[in-house]
Protein backbone atom coordinates (compact mmCIF):
# COMPACT_ATOMS: atom_id res chain seq x y z
CA MET A 1 0.00 0.00 0.00
CA PRO A 2 2.17 2.90 -1.22
CA PHE A 3 1.36 6.21 0.41
CA LYS A 4 0.66 9.38 -1.55
CA LYS A 5 3.28 12.11 -1.35
CA GLY A 6 2.28 15.01 0.86
CA LYS A 7 -0.26 13.02 2.83
CA VAL A 8 0.42 12.72 6.56
CA ILE A 9 0.32 9.08 7.63
CA PRO A 10 0.18 8.28 11.36
CA PHE A 11 3.39 6.69 12.63
CA ASP A 12 1.67 3.53 13.89
CA VAL A 13 0.28 2.87 10.40
CA LYS A 14 3.75 3.31 8.86
CA LYS A 15 5.27 1.12 11.55
CA ARG A 16 2.86 -1.75 10.92
CA GLU A 17 3.41 -1.55 7.16
CA VAL A 18 7.22 -1.48 7.53
CA MET A 19 7.22 -4.50 9.83
CA LYS A 20 4.82 -6.42 7.53
CA LEU A 21 6.97 -5.76 4.45
CA LYS A 22 10.15 -6.72 6.33
CA ARG A 23 8.56 -10.00 7.45
CA HIS A 24 7.76 -10.68 3.79
CA GLY A 25 11.46 -10.39 2.97
CA MET A 26 11.73 -6.90 1.50
CA GLY A 27 14.96 -4.96 1.97
CA ASN A 28 15.19 -1.62 3.76
CA ALA A 29 15.86 0.38 0.59
CA GLU A 30 12.93 -1.29 -1.18
CA ILE A 31 10.59 -0.53 1.74
CA ALA A 32 11.79 3.08 1.93
CA LYS A 33 11.11 3.63 -1.77
CA LEU A 34 7.72 1.92 -1.69
CA LEU A 35 6.51 3.90 1.34
CA ASN A 36 8.20 7.22 0.43
CA MET A 37 10.23 7.15 3.65
CA GLY A 38 13.92 7.57 4.38
CA LYS A 39 16.13 4.50 4.77
CA GLY A 40 17.17 5.76 8.21
CA GLU A 41 13.55 5.91 9.32
CA ILE A 42 13.00 2.33 8.10
CA GLU A 43 16.15 1.15 9.92
CA LEU A 44 15.05 2.85 13.13
CA ILE A 45 11.62 1.21 13.04
CA ILE A 46 13.15 -2.21 12.38
CA ARG A 47 15.83 -1.80 15.08
CA THR A 48 13.19 -1.11 17.70
CA GLY A 49 11.67 -4.49 16.93
CA ASP A 50 7.96 -3.91 17.21
CA GLY A 51 8.43 -0.25 16.35
CA SER A 52 7.51 1.09 19.76
CA VAL A 53 9.55 3.93 21.18
CA SER A 54 9.78 4.23 24.95
């Protein structure tokens, strides 16, 4: 589900989509491009495991 540029997507929605795509074997760069997000943002979400930030 690619997101439209300029549209604000809640973080929890992005987080779920990133984790789902990663579980399906996509690489970080691929996910970043598909979701119009930075690779660093993808890596941060994945590093936190479930995406939660305490």
